[in-house]
Amino acid sequence: MSNTPMAANPLTRAVLEIDEYASGLGWDQPARLFALVDTARLRAQEPSLAAQLGLEDESETTGLTPIEQDEVPTDKPLDEFLATIAWPDAVTGCALTVERLMLPPSAEAQVPQGLSEAELARWVADHPDRQEVRMTVAVLRDGGRESALRLREKDAPTEVLTGGDLVPGLAEALSATFEE
């Protein structure tokens, strides 16, 4: 079983479980996409898959099980890739973990105007106050959201920040994968 602390709700637990998994893989990893399925429903409808995933323990009646999907393509922008996704009804939610460079709000005034996307990425990468961050964002069909942020320089489970509105743009993009 995981070392993920018990969180208040199943979505937070799923986000922290994915963050722990990604942390175990180390840094400089590609984006990873997960389907979130209801654990009790998975055990009932797919017992062999549930057993394969180590979910035989029926003491937990609520919960979400993250199931990693195929690789996220690196040859197209993330938003374009997400726009191609449609989930079957059995999928309750989805999550994505991705690494990015982040600047503090104080750096916004320093951003040069008129940079191309590639030039802006280089400028951020060269900025002395940049931080490497791993973001894990999850959404549910019903609109629930949760995120976990982990800074590379504070890479410890006790330093993970969680909250529903930490990465609103990515949460919106993931929510759109459930629109018909």
C-alpha atoms as a PDB file:
ATOM      1  CA  MET A   1       0.000   0.000   0.000  1.00  0.00           C
ATOM      2  CA  SER A   2       1.083   3.570  -0.460  1.00  0.00           C
ATOM      3  CA  ASN A   3       2.507   5.987   2.075  1.00  0.00           C
ATOM      4  CA  THR A   4      -0.020   8.616   0.982  1.00  0.00           C
ATOM      5  CA  PRO A   5      -1.549  10.250   4.055  1.00  0.00           C
ATOM      6  CA  MET A   6      -5.264   9.819   4.579  1.00  0.00           C
ATOM      7  CA  ALA A   7      -6.918  12.834   2.996  1.00  0.00           C
ATOM      8  CA  ALA A   8     -10.378  14.163   3.596  1.00  0.00           C
ATOM      9  CA  ASN A   9     -11.888  13.020   0.313  1.00  0.00           C
ATOM     10  CA  PRO A  10     -11.282  10.407  -2.389  1.00  0.00           C
ATOM     11  CA  LEU A  11     -10.176  12.954  -5.012  1.00  0.00           C
ATOM     12  CA  THR A  12      -7.487  14.402  -2.749  1.00  0.00           C
ATOM     13  CA  ARG A  13      -6.299  10.884  -1.915  1.00  0.00           C
ATOM     14  CA  ALA A  14      -6.106  10.025  -5.632  1.00  0.00           C
ATOM     15  CA  VAL A  15      -4.113  13.200  -6.412  1.00  0.00           C
ATOM     16  CA  LEU A  16      -1.668  12.484  -3.586  1.00  0.00           C
ATOM     17  CA  GLU A  17      -1.328   8.858  -4.713  1.00  0.00           C
ATOM     18  CA  ILE A  18      -0.477  10.005  -8.254  1.00  0.00           C
ATOM     19  CA  ASP A  19       1.959  12.594  -6.869  1.00  0.00           C
ATOM     20  CA  GLU A  20       3.662   9.883  -4.811  1.00  0.00           C
ATOM     21  CA  TYR A  21       3.871   7.610  -7.872  1.00  0.00           C
ATOM     22  CA  ALA A  22       5.368  10.402 -10.006  1.00  0.00           C
ATOM     23  CA  SER A  23       7.797  11.261  -7.231  1.00  0.00           C
ATOM     24  CA  GLY A  24       9.038   7.677  -7.224  1.00  0.00           C
ATOM     25  CA  LEU A  25       9.880   7.997 -10.925  1.00  0.00           C
ATOM     26  CA  GLY A  26      12.081  11.030 -10.298  1.00  0.00           C
ATOM     27  CA  TRP A  27      12.221  14.356 -12.059  1.00  0.00           C
ATOM     28  CA  ASP A  28      12.528  15.210 -15.751  1.00  0.00           C
ATOM     29  CA  GLN A  29       9.661  12.890 -16.664  1.00  0.00           C
ATOM     30  CA  PRO A  30       7.083  13.292 -19.433  1.00  0.00           C
ATOM     31  CA  ALA A  31       3.489  14.233 -18.689  1.00  0.00           C
ATOM     32  CA  ARG A  32       1.335  11.327 -17.527  1.00  0.00           C
ATOM     33  CA  LEU A  33      -2.434  10.963 -17.932  1.00  0.00           C
ATOM     34  CA  PHE A  34      -4.668   8.907 -15.644  1.00  0.00           C
ATOM     35  CA  ALA A  35      -8.277   7.786 -15.767  1.00  0.00           C
ATOM     36  CA  LEU A  36      -9.957   7.860 -12.350  1.00  0.00           C
ATOM     37  CA  VAL A  37     -12.459   5.080 -11.742  1.00  0.00           C
ATOM     38  CA  ASP A  38     -14.689   4.317  -8.789  1.00  0.00           C
ATOM     39  CA  THR A  39     -12.855   1.609  -6.838  1.00  0.00           C
ATOM     40  CA  ALA A  40     -15.986  -0.244  -5.639  1.00  0.00           C
ATOM     41  CA  ARG A  41     -17.421  -0.260  -9.169  1.00  0.00           C
ATOM     42  CA  LEU A  42     -14.096  -1.500 -10.559  1.00  0.00           C
ATOM     43  CA  ARG A  43     -14.037  -4.380  -8.045  1.00  0.00           C
ATOM     44  CA  ALA A  44     -17.626  -5.325  -8.937  1.00  0.00           C
ATOM     45  CA  GLN A  45     -17.377  -5.014 -12.718  1.00  0.00           C
ATOM     46  CA  GLU A  46     -13.745  -5.973 -13.349  1.00  0.00           C
ATOM     47  CA  PRO A  47     -12.655  -8.291 -10.505  1.00  0.00           C
ATOM     48  CA  SER A  48      -9.613  -9.644 -12.355  1.00  0.00           C
ATOM     49  CA  LEU A  49      -8.343  -6.130 -13.133  1.00  0.00           C
ATOM     50  CA  ALA A  50      -9.031  -5.082  -9.533  1.00  0.00           C
ATOM     51  CA  ALA A  51      -7.011  -8.083  -8.321  1.00  0.00           C
ATOM     52  CA  GLN A  52      -4.199  -7.203 -10.727  1.00  0.00           C
ATOM     53  CA  LEU A  53      -4.162  -3.681  -9.249  1.00  0.00           C
ATOM     54  CA  GLY A  54      -4.146  -5.009  -5.682  1.00  0.00           C
ATOM     55  CA  LEU A  55      -7.673  -3.823  -4.886  1.00  0.00           C
ATOM     56  CA  GLU A  56      -9.100  -6.973  -3.321  1.00  0.00           C
ATOM     57  CA  ASP A  57      -9.549  -5.301   0.090  1.00  0.00           C
ATOM     58  CA  GLU A  58     -13.216  -4.387   0.227  1.00  0.00           C
ATOM     59  CA  SER A  59     -12.928  -2.545   3.557  1.00  0.00           C
ATOM     60  CA  GLU A  60     -12.650   0.729   1.638  1.00  0.00           C
ATOM     61  CA  THR A  61     -16.086   1.360   0.169  1.00  0.00           C
ATOM     62  CA  THR A  62     -15.301   4.751  -1.343  1.00  0.00           C
ATOM     63  CA  GLY A  63     -12.341   5.745  -3.362  1.00  0.00           C
ATOM     64  CA  LEU A  64     -10.917   6.415  -6.758  1.00  0.00           C
ATOM     65  CA  THR A  65      -8.375   4.257  -8.513  1.00  0.00           C
ATOM     66  CA  PRO A  66      -5.983   6.012 -10.898  1.00  0.00           C
ATOM     67  CA  ILE A  67      -5.206   4.018 -14.041  1.00  0.00           C
ATOM     68  CA  GLU A  68      -2.325   5.335 -16.123  1.00  0.00           C
ATOM     69  CA  GLN A  69      -3.111   5.774 -19.807  1.00  0.00           C
ATOM     70  CA  ASP A  70      -0.855   5.497 -22.841  1.00  0.00           C
ATOM     71  CA  GLU A  71       1.961   7.993 -23.154  1.00  0.00           C
ATOM     72  CA  VAL A  72       1.107  11.639 -23.676  1.00  0.00           C
ATOM     73  CA  PRO A  73       2.547  12.639 -27.060  1.00  0.00           C
ATOM     74  CA  THR A  74       5.423  15.101 -26.901  1.00  0.00           C
ATOM     75  CA  ASP A  75       5.078  16.245 -30.520  1.00  0.00           C
ATOM     76  CA  LYS A  76       1.943  18.337 -30.006  1.00  0.00           C
ATOM     77  CA  PRO A  77       0.925  20.978 -27.452  1.00  0.00           C
ATOM     78  CA  LEU A  78      -0.743  19.577 -24.335  1.00  0.00           C
ATOM     79  CA  ASP A  79      -3.957  21.548 -24.863  1.00  0.00           C
ATOM     80  CA  GLU A  80      -4.302  20.156 -28.401  1.00  0.00           C
ATOM     81  CA  PHE A  81      -3.769  16.612 -27.147  1.00  0.00           C
ATOM     82  CA  LEU A  82      -6.330  17.026 -24.343  1.00  0.00           C
ATOM     83  CA  ALA A  83      -8.874  18.310 -26.875  1.00  0.00           C
ATOM     84  CA  THR A  84      -8.741  14.893 -28.601  1.00  0.00           C
ATOM     85  CA  ILE A  85      -9.723  12.888 -25.515  1.00  0.00           C
ATOM     86  CA  ALA A  86     -13.146  11.417 -24.808  1.00  0.00           C
ATOM     87  CA  TRP A  87     -13.718   9.189 -21.793  1.00  0.00           C
ATOM     88  CA  PRO A  88     -16.102   6.218 -21.519  1.00  0.00           C
ATOM     89  CA  ASP A  89     -18.886   6.422 -18.928  1.00  0.00           C
ATOM     90  CA  ALA A  90     -16.994   4.129 -16.520  1.00  0.00           C
ATOM     91  CA  VAL A  91     -14.382   6.859 -16.029  1.00  0.00           C
ATOM     92  CA  THR A  92     -15.365   9.080 -13.092  1.00  0.00           C
ATOM     93  CA  GLY A  93     -12.570  11.597 -13.561  1.00  0.00           C
ATOM     94  CA  CYS A  94      -9.100  12.105 -14.920  1.00  0.00           C
ATOM     95  CA  ALA A  95      -5.756  13.444 -13.771  1.00  0.00           C
ATOM     96  CA  LEU A  96      -2.577  14.695 -15.354  1.00  0.00           C
ATOM     97  CA  THR A  97       0.860  15.117 -13.881  1.00  0.00           C
ATOM     98  CA  VAL A  98       3.258  17.444 -15.655  1.00  0.00           C
ATOM     99  CA  GLU A  99       6.482  19.278 -14.848  1.00  0.00           C
ATOM    100  CA  ARG A 100       6.904  22.961 -15.615  1.00  0.00           C
ATOM    101  CA  LEU A 101       9.062  25.943 -14.779  1.00  0.00           C
ATOM    102  CA  MET A 102       7.357  28.541 -12.639  1.00  0.00           C
ATOM    103  CA  LEU A 103       8.203  32.124 -11.760  1.00  0.00           C
ATOM    104  CA  PRO A 104       7.089  34.024  -8.673  1.00  0.00           C
ATOM    105  CA  PRO A 105       4.384  36.670  -9.238  1.00  0.00           C
ATOM    106  CA  SER A 106       7.017  39.370  -8.720  1.00  0.00           C
ATOM    107  CA  ALA A 107       8.668  38.329 -11.999  1.00  0.00           C
ATOM    108  CA  GLU A 108       5.588  39.120 -14.108  1.00  0.00           C
ATOM    109  CA  ALA A 109       6.543  42.788 -14.456  1.00  0.00           C
ATOM    110  CA  GLN A 110       9.960  41.754 -15.805  1.00  0.00           C
ATOM    111  CA  VAL A 111       8.645  39.670 -18.734  1.00  0.00           C
ATOM    112  CA  PRO A 112       9.776  41.277 -22.007  1.00  0.00           C
ATOM    113  CA  GLN A 113       6.938  42.089 -24.407  1.00  0.00           C
ATOM    114  CA  GLY A 114       6.640  40.568 -27.857  1.00  0.00           C
ATOM    115  CA  LEU A 115       8.447  37.278 -27.213  1.00  0.00           C
ATOM    116  CA  SER A 116       7.490  34.193 -29.185  1.00  0.00           C
ATOM    117  CA  GLU A 117       6.471  31.121 -27.191  1.00  0.00           C
ATOM    118  CA  ALA A 118       9.947  29.615 -27.645  1.00  0.00           C
ATOM    119  CA  GLU A 119      11.666  32.870 -26.640  1.00  0.00           C
ATOM    120  CA  LEU A 120       9.460  33.186 -23.563  1.00  0.00           C
ATOM    121  CA  ALA A 121      10.265  29.584 -22.564  1.00  0.00           C
ATOM    122  CA  ARG A 122      13.986  30.332 -22.859  1.00  0.00           C
ATOM    123  CA  TRP A 123      13.597  33.558 -20.877  1.00  0.00           C
ATOM    124  CA  VAL A 124      11.805  31.705 -18.049  1.00  0.00           C
ATOM    125  CA  ALA A 125      14.376  28.872 -18.107  1.00  0.00           C
ATOM    126  CA  ASP A 126      17.183  31.411 -17.722  1.00  0.00           C
ATOM    127  CA  HIS A 127      15.468  33.477 -15.005  1.00  0.00           C
ATOM    128  CA  PRO A 128      17.322  33.277 -11.653  1.00  0.00           C
ATOM    129  CA  ASP A 129      14.057  32.957  -9.653  1.00  0.00           C
ATOM    130  CA  ARG A 130      12.592  30.077 -11.656  1.00  0.00           C
ATOM    131  CA  GLN A 131      11.337  27.022  -9.813  1.00  0.00           C
ATOM    132  CA  GLU A 132      10.790  23.534 -11.200  1.00  0.00           C
ATOM    133  CA  VAL A 133       7.385  22.257 -10.178  1.00  0.00           C
ATOM    134  CA  ARG A 134       5.459  19.032 -10.679  1.00  0.00           C
ATOM    135  CA  MET A 135       1.734  19.626 -10.922  1.00  0.00           C
ATOM    136  CA  THR A 136      -0.827  16.895 -10.529  1.00  0.00           C
ATOM    137  CA  VAL A 137      -4.316  18.072 -11.406  1.00  0.00           C
ATOM    138  CA  ALA A 138      -7.480  15.966 -11.242  1.00  0.00           C
ATOM    139  CA  VAL A 139     -11.086  16.653 -12.136  1.00  0.00           C
ATOM    140  CA  LEU A 140     -14.301  14.703 -11.793  1.00  0.00           C
ATOM    141  CA  ARG A 141     -17.257  14.557 -14.160  1.00  0.00           C
ATOM    142  CA  ASP A 142     -19.346  16.297 -11.499  1.00  0.00           C
ATOM    143  CA  GLY A 143     -16.994  19.302 -11.451  1.00  0.00           C
ATOM    144  CA  GLY A 144     -14.831  18.368  -8.455  1.00  0.00           C
ATOM    145  CA  ARG A 145     -11.200  19.489  -8.699  1.00  0.00           C
ATOM    146  CA  GLU A 146      -7.978  18.894  -6.804  1.00  0.00           C
ATOM    147  CA  SER A 147      -4.322  19.666  -7.389  1.00  0.00           C
ATOM    148  CA  ALA A 148      -0.979  18.839  -5.822  1.00  0.00           C
ATOM    149  CA  LEU A 149       2.140  20.940  -6.380  1.00  0.00           C
ATOM    150  CA  ARG A 150       5.640  19.777  -5.535  1.00  0.00           C
ATOM    151  CA  LEU A 151       8.712  21.992  -5.945  1.00  0.00           C
ATOM    152  CA  ARG A 152      11.894  20.251  -6.975  1.00  0.00           C
ATOM    153  CA  GLU A 153      13.895  22.149  -4.348  1.00  0.00           C
ATOM    154  CA  LYS A 154      11.456  20.980  -1.630  1.00  0.00           C
ATOM    155  CA  ASP A 155      10.963  17.438  -2.888  1.00  0.00           C
ATOM    156  CA  ALA A 156       9.345  15.814   0.148  1.00  0.00           C
ATOM    157  CA  PRO A 157       5.839  14.449   0.773  1.00  0.00           C
ATOM    158  CA  THR A 158       5.397  16.894   3.654  1.00  0.00           C
ATOM    159  CA  GLU A 159       6.064  19.818   1.289  1.00  0.00           C
ATOM    160  CA  VAL A 160       3.288  19.031  -1.233  1.00  0.00           C
ATOM    161  CA  LEU A 161       0.710  21.805  -1.526  1.00  0.00           C
ATOM    162  CA  THR A 162      -2.877  20.760  -2.305  1.00  0.00           C
ATOM    163  CA  GLY A 163      -5.946  22.719  -3.286  1.00  0.00           C
ATOM    164  CA  GLY A 164      -8.749  22.748  -5.811  1.00  0.00           C
ATOM    165  CA  ASP A 165      -7.810  25.973  -7.593  1.00  0.00           C
ATOM    166  CA  LEU A 166      -4.006  25.841  -7.766  1.00  0.00           C
ATOM    167  CA  VAL A 167      -3.835  25.244 -11.536  1.00  0.00           C
ATOM    168  CA  PRO A 168      -7.186  26.479 -12.911  1.00  0.00           C
ATOM    169  CA  GLY A 169      -6.219  26.490 -16.600  1.00  0.00           C
ATOM    170  CA  LEU A 170      -5.146  22.864 -16.565  1.00  0.00           C
ATOM    171  CA  ALA A 171      -8.226  21.894 -14.548  1.00  0.00           C
ATOM    172  CA  GLU A 172     -10.423  23.578 -17.188  1.00  0.00           C
ATOM    173  CA  ALA A 173      -8.627  21.712 -19.990  1.00  0.00           C
ATOM    174  CA  LEU A 174      -9.105  18.388 -18.175  1.00  0.00           C
ATOM    175  CA  SER A 175     -12.775  19.161 -17.462  1.00  0.00           C
ATOM    176  CA  ALA A 176     -13.322  19.782 -21.171  1.00  0.00           C
ATOM    177  CA  THR A 177     -12.390  16.136 -21.849  1.00  0.00           C
ATOM    178  CA  PHE A 178     -15.765  15.206 -20.297  1.00  0.00           C
ATOM    179  CA  GLU A 179     -17.856  17.606 -22.405  1.00  0.00           C
ATOM    180  CA  GLU A 180     -19.889  16.108 -25.207  1.00  0.00           C
END
